[in-house]
Amino acid sequence: MINDQAPAAPSVHGAAPSVTGSAAARFAAGLLVLACAGVTGLFAPLLVMASDNCFEGDARTICTAVGQQLVGTLPVAAAFAAALLAVVGMSRGGPVGRGCLLAAPCLLVLSWVVSYAVAGA
């Protein structure tokens, strides 16, 4: 017996996901965040040199051992965490990826603000 009906063609949806738009934008934003994390990790700990003009009995926070440790380690830890967030943001799509790519620069800015506050106070 011969079947008179042709097999049904698979349905094709007209809305294909954009390959270049969001993936390329996530990748570019991630690279920018990674570059900023590298600059933060390399140069922000140099704010410890603000303690060069400290004298005995100076009450400024940068003149204490705790203040110097904070200014030295906070930017490095923030840069590492921001780099991890950038990699997750580049590799994941949707709200998780966007959230990671937005949280990473906020973390870097926060580390710079705290470091400058301790070094300048």
Protein backbone atom coordinates (compact mmCIF):
# COMPACT_ATOMS: atom_id res chain seq x y z
CA MET A 1 0.00 0.00 0.00
CA ILE A 2 1.33 3.35 -0.99
CA ASN A 3 0.78 6.29 1.32
CA ASP A 4 -0.70 9.24 -0.56
CA GLN A 5 0.25 11.80 2.09
CA ALA A 6 3.66 13.42 2.23
CA PRO A 7 5.34 13.49 5.60
CA ALA A 8 4.69 16.64 7.60
CA ALA A 9 7.49 19.14 7.46
CA PRO A 10 9.01 20.11 10.80
CA SER A 11 7.82 23.43 12.14
CA VAL A 12 10.26 26.31 11.89
CA HIS A 13 10.03 29.17 14.31
CA GLY A 14 10.73 32.62 12.98
CA ALA A 15 12.34 33.93 16.18
CA ALA A 16 15.89 32.56 16.27
CA PRO A 17 18.10 33.64 19.15
CA SER A 18 20.54 36.39 18.31
CA VAL A 19 24.05 34.98 18.09
CA THR A 20 25.97 38.22 17.71
CA GLY A 21 24.04 40.70 19.87
CA SER A 22 23.90 39.48 23.43
CA ALA A 23 26.81 37.04 23.33
CA ALA A 24 29.19 39.60 21.85
CA ALA A 25 28.02 42.28 24.27
CA ARG A 26 28.48 39.94 27.25
CA PHE A 27 31.95 39.02 26.02
CA ALA A 28 32.98 42.66 25.49
CA ALA A 29 31.61 43.72 28.89
CA GLY A 30 33.37 40.79 30.53
CA LEU A 31 36.70 41.71 28.94
CA LEU A 32 36.30 45.29 30.11
CA VAL A 33 35.57 44.15 33.66
CA LEU A 34 38.57 41.80 33.57
CA ALA A 35 40.82 44.67 32.48
CA CYS A 36 39.52 46.87 35.29
CA ALA A 37 40.01 44.04 37.77
CA GLY A 38 43.60 43.68 36.62
CA VAL A 39 44.28 47.40 37.04
CA THR A 40 42.65 47.35 40.47
CA GLY A 41 44.62 44.32 41.62
CA LEU A 42 47.91 45.79 40.43
CA PHE A 43 47.69 49.45 41.36
CA ALA A 44 45.21 49.94 44.22
CA PRO A 45 47.48 48.28 46.83
CA LEU A 46 49.97 51.08 46.15
CA LEU A 47 47.72 53.28 48.30
CA VAL A 48 49.58 51.77 51.28
CA MET A 49 52.30 54.29 50.46
CA ALA A 50 49.99 56.95 51.89
CA SER A 51 51.35 55.82 55.26
CA ASP A 52 54.83 57.15 54.39
CA ASN A 53 54.18 60.45 56.15
CA CYS A 54 52.87 58.86 59.37
CA PHE A 55 54.60 59.72 62.62
CA GLU A 56 54.40 58.16 66.05
CA GLY A 57 51.05 58.83 67.67
CA ASP A 58 49.31 59.62 64.37
CA ALA A 59 45.62 58.74 64.75
CA ARG A 60 44.83 58.31 61.06
CA THR A 61 43.58 54.88 60.02
CA ILE A 62 46.25 54.41 57.36
CA CYS A 63 48.89 54.76 60.08
CA THR A 64 47.71 51.60 61.83
CA ALA A 65 48.68 48.07 60.86
CA VAL A 66 45.01 47.18 60.35
CA GLY A 67 44.49 50.11 57.99
CA GLN A 68 47.54 49.23 55.95
CA GLN A 69 46.46 45.58 55.71
CA LEU A 70 42.97 46.66 54.63
CA VAL A 71 44.27 48.98 51.93
CA GLY A 72 46.73 46.34 50.74
CA THR A 73 44.47 43.29 50.61
CA LEU A 74 40.96 44.62 49.92
CA PRO A 75 41.60 45.65 46.28
CA VAL A 76 43.36 42.36 45.50
CA ALA A 77 40.49 40.31 46.95
CA ALA A 78 37.92 42.49 45.18
CA ALA A 79 39.78 42.15 41.88
CA PHE A 80 39.84 38.36 42.22
CA ALA A 81 36.13 38.23 43.05
CA ALA A 82 35.28 40.64 40.21
CA ALA A 83 37.27 38.53 37.76
CA LEU A 84 35.33 35.44 38.82
CA LEU A 85 32.05 37.31 38.46
CA ALA A 86 33.11 38.52 35.00
CA VAL A 87 33.89 34.99 33.84
CA VAL A 88 30.53 33.74 35.15
CA GLY A 89 28.80 36.70 33.51
CA MET A 90 30.46 36.00 30.17
CA SER A 91 29.60 32.31 30.24
CA ARG A 92 25.99 32.50 31.46
CA GLY A 93 23.12 34.20 29.72
CA GLY A 94 19.95 35.64 31.13
CA PRO A 95 19.54 37.44 34.43
CA VAL A 96 22.35 35.54 36.17
CA GLY A 97 24.92 36.63 33.61
CA ARG A 98 23.73 40.22 33.58
CA GLY A 99 23.68 40.30 37.38
CA CYS A 100 27.25 39.05 37.59
CA LEU A 101 28.42 41.54 34.98
CA LEU A 102 26.74 44.36 36.91
CA ALA A 103 27.99 43.25 40.33
CA ALA A 104 31.64 42.98 39.30
CA PRO A 105 32.29 46.69 38.55
CA CYS A 106 30.27 47.68 41.62
CA LEU A 107 32.59 45.52 43.72
CA LEU A 108 35.65 47.16 42.16
CA VAL A 109 34.30 50.67 42.75
CA LEU A 110 33.48 49.80 46.34
CA SER A 111 37.01 48.56 46.95
CA TRP A 112 38.48 51.77 45.49
CA VAL A 113 36.16 53.95 47.61
CA VAL A 114 37.02 52.12 50.82
CA SER A 115 40.75 52.15 50.05
CA TYR A 116 40.73 55.87 49.29
CA ALA A 117 38.71 56.56 52.42
CA VAL A 118 41.19 54.71 54.61
CA ALA A 119 44.25 56.17 52.85
CA GLY A 120 42.95 59.72 52.83
CA ALA A 121 41.39 59.86 56.30
